């Protein structure tokens, strides 16, 4: 596969019409057998859903957030949530089609998300939470300039909207990057 270039991608805010495609994309990137084609899979630690149409629509409709949708050749290939939280922005729901992972697409998207958070909201930091046992994913974010804070929040055990945990030691760790 050719290396991904910025010119090959279109960035836009998601609309209500994108909900089903985005739910399928997010699910495919993290859960089930399809997610194993990429490296971001959570299939070994979580089963069930990663999100649902209501959760995606909530992000689209919220006045302080956007669901950045990324297309290549007219096809949705990735997305990420950006939420304005005062001096910082929150980055979440980051999903890249498993078949396209490992070609630089994620690196390009996170750079654009950071640029938009700075330009549109004046954000000085980007925050995200990552499941703390996802060492490979955390290492990827660290290579992009994010730092571990050691601040954790509990995983919502018992709330199947976030999946069905396959282990009892899950928690979210806050990662932060200064935007300059």
C-alpha atoms as a PDB file:
ATOM      1  CA  UNK A   1       0.000   0.000   0.000  1.00  0.00           C
ATOM      2  CA  UNK A   2       1.219   3.512  -0.779  1.00  0.00           C
ATOM      3  CA  UNK A   3       2.028   5.887   2.037  1.00  0.00           C
ATOM      4  CA  UNK A   4      -0.888   8.101   2.952  1.00  0.00           C
ATOM      5  CA  UNK A   5      -0.554  11.761   2.061  1.00  0.00           C
ATOM      6  CA  UNK A   6      -2.523  14.732   3.351  1.00  0.00           C
ATOM      7  CA  UNK A   7      -3.823  15.511  -0.141  1.00  0.00           C
ATOM      8  CA  UNK A   8      -5.508  12.129  -0.333  1.00  0.00           C
ATOM      9  CA  UNK A   9      -7.680  12.861   2.705  1.00  0.00           C
ATOM     10  CA  UNK A  10     -10.775  14.979   3.273  1.00  0.00           C
ATOM     11  CA  UNK A  11     -11.591  16.135   6.812  1.00  0.00           C
ATOM     12  CA  UNK A  12     -15.122  17.189   7.738  1.00  0.00           C
ATOM     13  CA  UNK A  13     -17.479  17.247  10.692  1.00  0.00           C
ATOM     14  CA  UNK A  14     -19.785  14.244  10.903  1.00  0.00           C
ATOM     15  CA  UNK A  15     -23.503  14.653  10.342  1.00  0.00           C
ATOM     16  CA  UNK A  16     -26.497  12.591  11.446  1.00  0.00           C
ATOM     17  CA  UNK A  17     -26.285  10.728   8.122  1.00  0.00           C
ATOM     18  CA  UNK A  18     -22.836   9.375   9.099  1.00  0.00           C
ATOM     19  CA  UNK A  19     -23.883   7.662  12.340  1.00  0.00           C
ATOM     20  CA  UNK A  20     -24.254   4.078  11.071  1.00  0.00           C
ATOM     21  CA  UNK A  21     -21.018   4.188   9.049  1.00  0.00           C
ATOM     22  CA  UNK A  22     -19.106   5.644  11.997  1.00  0.00           C
ATOM     23  CA  UNK A  23     -20.463   3.099  14.504  1.00  0.00           C
ATOM     24  CA  UNK A  24     -19.378   0.306  12.141  1.00  0.00           C
ATOM     25  CA  UNK A  25     -15.930   1.889  11.679  1.00  0.00           C
ATOM     26  CA  UNK A  26     -15.353   2.344  15.426  1.00  0.00           C
ATOM     27  CA  UNK A  27     -16.507  -1.203  16.136  1.00  0.00           C
ATOM     28  CA  UNK A  28     -14.292  -2.658  13.386  1.00  0.00           C
ATOM     29  CA  UNK A  29     -11.200  -0.843  14.690  1.00  0.00           C
ATOM     30  CA  UNK A  30     -11.469  -2.149  18.254  1.00  0.00           C
ATOM     31  CA  UNK A  31     -13.733  -5.165  18.674  1.00  0.00           C
ATOM     32  CA  UNK A  32     -14.363  -8.553  17.157  1.00  0.00           C
ATOM     33  CA  UNK A  33     -12.442 -10.518  14.566  1.00  0.00           C
ATOM     34  CA  UNK A  34     -12.393  -7.667  12.033  1.00  0.00           C
ATOM     35  CA  UNK A  35     -10.346  -5.558  14.481  1.00  0.00           C
ATOM     36  CA  UNK A  36      -7.563  -8.150  14.486  1.00  0.00           C
ATOM     37  CA  UNK A  37      -6.578  -7.006  10.973  1.00  0.00           C
ATOM     38  CA  UNK A  38      -5.204  -3.841  12.598  1.00  0.00           C
ATOM     39  CA  UNK A  39      -3.051  -3.280  15.652  1.00  0.00           C
ATOM     40  CA  UNK A  40      -5.530  -1.194  17.705  1.00  0.00           C
ATOM     41  CA  UNK A  41      -7.748  -4.151  18.586  1.00  0.00           C
ATOM     42  CA  UNK A  42      -9.143  -4.473  22.090  1.00  0.00           C
ATOM     43  CA  UNK A  43     -10.662  -7.879  21.269  1.00  0.00           C
ATOM     44  CA  UNK A  44      -8.528  -9.700  23.860  1.00  0.00           C
ATOM     45  CA  UNK A  45      -9.548  -7.419  26.736  1.00  0.00           C
ATOM     46  CA  UNK A  46     -13.092  -6.365  25.811  1.00  0.00           C
ATOM     47  CA  UNK A  47     -15.980  -7.974  23.980  1.00  0.00           C
ATOM     48  CA  UNK A  48     -19.292  -6.472  22.940  1.00  0.00           C
ATOM     49  CA  UNK A  49     -19.786  -2.995  21.585  1.00  0.00           C
ATOM     50  CA  UNK A  50     -17.317  -0.102  21.592  1.00  0.00           C
ATOM     51  CA  UNK A  51     -20.020   2.504  21.010  1.00  0.00           C
ATOM     52  CA  UNK A  52     -23.588   2.757  19.799  1.00  0.00           C
ATOM     53  CA  UNK A  53     -25.594   5.087  17.541  1.00  0.00           C
ATOM     54  CA  UNK A  54     -26.757   7.136  20.532  1.00  0.00           C
ATOM     55  CA  UNK A  55     -23.183   7.706  21.722  1.00  0.00           C
ATOM     56  CA  UNK A  56     -22.003   8.784  18.281  1.00  0.00           C
ATOM     57  CA  UNK A  57     -25.013  11.057  17.770  1.00  0.00           C
ATOM     58  CA  UNK A  58     -24.411  12.643  21.166  1.00  0.00           C
ATOM     59  CA  UNK A  59     -20.896  13.675  20.087  1.00  0.00           C
ATOM     60  CA  UNK A  60     -22.191  14.999  16.741  1.00  0.00           C
ATOM     61  CA  UNK A  61     -24.936  17.057  18.419  1.00  0.00           C
ATOM     62  CA  UNK A  62     -22.940  18.438  21.352  1.00  0.00           C
ATOM     63  CA  UNK A  63     -22.185  22.157  20.921  1.00  0.00           C
ATOM     64  CA  UNK A  64     -18.704  21.763  22.437  1.00  0.00           C
ATOM     65  CA  UNK A  65     -17.556  18.818  20.347  1.00  0.00           C
ATOM     66  CA  UNK A  66     -17.205  17.535  16.850  1.00  0.00           C
ATOM     67  CA  UNK A  67     -16.701  14.120  15.366  1.00  0.00           C
ATOM     68  CA  UNK A  68     -14.024  14.703  12.766  1.00  0.00           C
ATOM     69  CA  UNK A  69     -14.668  12.342   9.867  1.00  0.00           C
ATOM     70  CA  UNK A  70     -11.890  11.438   7.464  1.00  0.00           C
ATOM     71  CA  UNK A  71     -12.593  10.314   3.912  1.00  0.00           C
ATOM     72  CA  UNK A  72     -10.366   9.021   1.172  1.00  0.00           C
ATOM     73  CA  UNK A  73     -11.826   8.508  -2.286  1.00  0.00           C
ATOM     74  CA  UNK A  74     -15.309   9.342  -0.966  1.00  0.00           C
ATOM     75  CA  UNK A  75     -15.139   6.549   1.636  1.00  0.00           C
ATOM     76  CA  UNK A  76     -15.033   7.103   5.419  1.00  0.00           C
ATOM     77  CA  UNK A  77     -11.717   5.627   6.591  1.00  0.00           C
ATOM     78  CA  UNK A  78     -11.239   7.191  10.037  1.00  0.00           C
ATOM     79  CA  UNK A  79     -12.717   9.454  12.687  1.00  0.00           C
ATOM     80  CA  UNK A  80     -11.942  11.122  15.994  1.00  0.00           C
ATOM     81  CA  UNK A  81     -13.807  13.104  18.590  1.00  0.00           C
ATOM     82  CA  UNK A  82     -12.631  16.585  19.530  1.00  0.00           C
ATOM     83  CA  UNK A  83     -14.229  18.263  22.537  1.00  0.00           C
ATOM     84  CA  UNK A  84     -13.545  21.810  23.717  1.00  0.00           C
ATOM     85  CA  UNK A  85     -12.920  21.827  27.474  1.00  0.00           C
ATOM     86  CA  UNK A  86     -11.698  25.315  28.278  1.00  0.00           C
ATOM     87  CA  UNK A  87      -7.938  25.640  27.809  1.00  0.00           C
ATOM     88  CA  UNK A  88      -7.622  22.069  26.573  1.00  0.00           C
ATOM     89  CA  UNK A  89      -9.316  19.801  24.075  1.00  0.00           C
ATOM     90  CA  UNK A  90     -10.254  16.164  24.586  1.00  0.00           C
ATOM     91  CA  UNK A  91      -9.372  13.627  21.894  1.00  0.00           C
ATOM     92  CA  UNK A  92     -11.380  10.398  21.749  1.00  0.00           C
ATOM     93  CA  UNK A  93     -13.187   7.842  19.592  1.00  0.00           C
ATOM     94  CA  UNK A  94     -10.075   7.665  17.422  1.00  0.00           C
ATOM     95  CA  UNK A  95     -10.651   4.973  14.838  1.00  0.00           C
ATOM     96  CA  UNK A  96      -8.846   4.021  11.651  1.00  0.00           C
ATOM     97  CA  UNK A  97     -10.100   1.286   9.351  1.00  0.00           C
ATOM     98  CA  UNK A  98      -8.114  -1.855  10.327  1.00  0.00           C
ATOM     99  CA  UNK A  99      -7.096  -2.517   6.708  1.00  0.00           C
ATOM    100  CA  UNK A 100      -5.431   0.922   6.546  1.00  0.00           C
ATOM    101  CA  UNK A 101      -3.607   0.884   9.879  1.00  0.00           C
ATOM    102  CA  UNK A 102       0.176   1.063   9.859  1.00  0.00           C
ATOM    103  CA  UNK A 103       0.466   3.320   6.787  1.00  0.00           C
ATOM    104  CA  UNK A 104       0.739   6.700   8.540  1.00  0.00           C
ATOM    105  CA  UNK A 105      -2.952   7.596   8.426  1.00  0.00           C
ATOM    106  CA  UNK A 106      -3.270   7.827  12.221  1.00  0.00           C
ATOM    107  CA  UNK A 107      -0.254  10.104  12.498  1.00  0.00           C
ATOM    108  CA  UNK A 108      -1.735  12.450   9.869  1.00  0.00           C
ATOM    109  CA  UNK A 109      -5.164  12.515  11.536  1.00  0.00           C
ATOM    110  CA  UNK A 110      -3.912  13.211  15.049  1.00  0.00           C
ATOM    111  CA  UNK A 111      -1.748  16.063  13.718  1.00  0.00           C
ATOM    112  CA  UNK A 112      -4.798  17.589  11.995  1.00  0.00           C
ATOM    113  CA  UNK A 113      -6.917  17.164  15.136  1.00  0.00           C
ATOM    114  CA  UNK A 114      -4.260  18.964  17.186  1.00  0.00           C
ATOM    115  CA  UNK A 115      -4.044  21.733  14.571  1.00  0.00           C
ATOM    116  CA  UNK A 116      -7.822  22.233  14.613  1.00  0.00           C
ATOM    117  CA  UNK A 117      -7.986  22.282  18.430  1.00  0.00           C
ATOM    118  CA  UNK A 118      -5.331  25.012  18.500  1.00  0.00           C
ATOM    119  CA  UNK A 119      -6.740  27.031  15.603  1.00  0.00           C
ATOM    120  CA  UNK A 120     -10.460  26.779  16.387  1.00  0.00           C
ATOM    121  CA  UNK A 121     -10.475  26.801  20.185  1.00  0.00           C
ATOM    122  CA  UNK A 122      -7.064  28.124  21.208  1.00  0.00           C
ATOM    123  CA  UNK A 123      -6.435  24.883  23.094  1.00  0.00           C
ATOM    124  CA  UNK A 124      -3.010  24.716  24.708  1.00  0.00           C
ATOM    125  CA  UNK A 125      -3.196  21.009  25.574  1.00  0.00           C
ATOM    126  CA  UNK A 126      -4.777  17.871  24.171  1.00  0.00           C
ATOM    127  CA  UNK A 127      -6.044  15.314  26.675  1.00  0.00           C
ATOM    128  CA  UNK A 128      -7.090  11.718  26.085  1.00  0.00           C
ATOM    129  CA  UNK A 129      -7.740   8.614  28.118  1.00  0.00           C
ATOM    130  CA  UNK A 130      -6.390   5.206  27.142  1.00  0.00           C
ATOM    131  CA  UNK A 131      -6.955   1.842  28.783  1.00  0.00           C
ATOM    132  CA  UNK A 132      -3.804   1.557  30.897  1.00  0.00           C
ATOM    133  CA  UNK A 133      -2.973  -2.034  29.868  1.00  0.00           C
ATOM    134  CA  UNK A 134      -2.725  -0.969  26.191  1.00  0.00           C
ATOM    135  CA  UNK A 135       1.060  -0.580  26.294  1.00  0.00           C
ATOM    136  CA  UNK A 136       1.481  -0.643  22.492  1.00  0.00           C
ATOM    137  CA  UNK A 137      -1.117   2.076  21.994  1.00  0.00           C
ATOM    138  CA  UNK A 138       0.257   4.245  24.796  1.00  0.00           C
ATOM    139  CA  UNK A 139       3.752   3.891  23.311  1.00  0.00           C
ATOM    140  CA  UNK A 140       2.380   5.050  19.935  1.00  0.00           C
ATOM    141  CA  UNK A 141       0.896   8.161  21.569  1.00  0.00           C
ATOM    142  CA  UNK A 142       4.127   8.791  23.463  1.00  0.00           C
ATOM    143  CA  UNK A 143       5.972   8.828  20.126  1.00  0.00           C
ATOM    144  CA  UNK A 144       3.515  11.561  19.070  1.00  0.00           C
ATOM    145  CA  UNK A 145       4.468  13.687  22.114  1.00  0.00           C
ATOM    146  CA  UNK A 146       1.844  12.597  24.641  1.00  0.00           C
ATOM    147  CA  UNK A 147       2.945  11.916  28.195  1.00  0.00           C
ATOM    148  CA  UNK A 148       1.526   9.585  30.794  1.00  0.00           C
ATOM    149  CA  UNK A 149       0.197  11.407  33.846  1.00  0.00           C
ATOM    150  CA  UNK A 150      -0.374   8.463  36.167  1.00  0.00           C
ATOM    151  CA  UNK A 151      -3.883   9.841  36.760  1.00  0.00           C
ATOM    152  CA  UNK A 152      -6.433   7.107  36.291  1.00  0.00           C
ATOM    153  CA  UNK A 153     -10.195   6.702  36.318  1.00  0.00           C
ATOM    154  CA  UNK A 154     -12.042   3.414  36.757  1.00  0.00           C
ATOM    155  CA  UNK A 155     -13.344   1.430  33.809  1.00  0.00           C
ATOM    156  CA  UNK A 156     -17.183   1.407  33.859  1.00  0.00           C
ATOM    157  CA  UNK A 157     -17.569  -2.262  34.778  1.00  0.00           C
ATOM    158  CA  UNK A 158     -21.170  -3.398  34.436  1.00  0.00           C
ATOM    159  CA  UNK A 159     -22.075  -0.835  31.752  1.00  0.00           C
ATOM    160  CA  UNK A 160     -22.171  -2.886  28.556  1.00  0.00           C
ATOM    161  CA  UNK A 161     -22.368   0.290  26.431  1.00  0.00           C
ATOM    162  CA  UNK A 162     -18.563   0.307  26.842  1.00  0.00           C
ATOM    163  CA  UNK A 163     -18.049  -3.397  26.284  1.00  0.00           C
ATOM    164  CA  UNK A 164     -17.772  -6.571  28.318  1.00  0.00           C
ATOM    165  CA  UNK A 165     -14.401  -6.701  30.096  1.00  0.00           C
ATOM    166  CA  UNK A 166     -12.388  -9.913  29.843  1.00  0.00           C
ATOM    167  CA  UNK A 167     -10.153  -9.005  32.793  1.00  0.00           C
ATOM    168  CA  UNK A 168     -10.585  -7.215  36.114  1.00  0.00           C
ATOM    169  CA  UNK A 169      -7.688  -4.724  36.033  1.00  0.00           C
ATOM    170  CA  UNK A 170      -8.936  -2.210  33.446  1.00  0.00           C
ATOM    171  CA  UNK A 171      -8.752   1.512  34.054  1.00  0.00           C
ATOM    172  CA  UNK A 172      -8.233   4.627  31.953  1.00  0.00           C
ATOM    173  CA  UNK A 173      -5.037   6.677  32.164  1.00  0.00           C
ATOM    174  CA  UNK A 174      -4.947  10.332  31.213  1.00  0.00           C
ATOM    175  CA  UNK A 175      -2.386  11.238  28.521  1.00  0.00           C
ATOM    176  CA  UNK A 176      -1.584  14.889  27.844  1.00  0.00           C
ATOM    177  CA  UNK A 177       0.270  16.772  25.115  1.00  0.00           C
ATOM    178  CA  UNK A 178       1.099  20.457  25.116  1.00  0.00           C
ATOM    179  CA  UNK A 179       0.038  22.074  21.857  1.00  0.00           C
ATOM    180  CA  UNK A 180       2.568  24.658  20.685  1.00  0.00           C
END
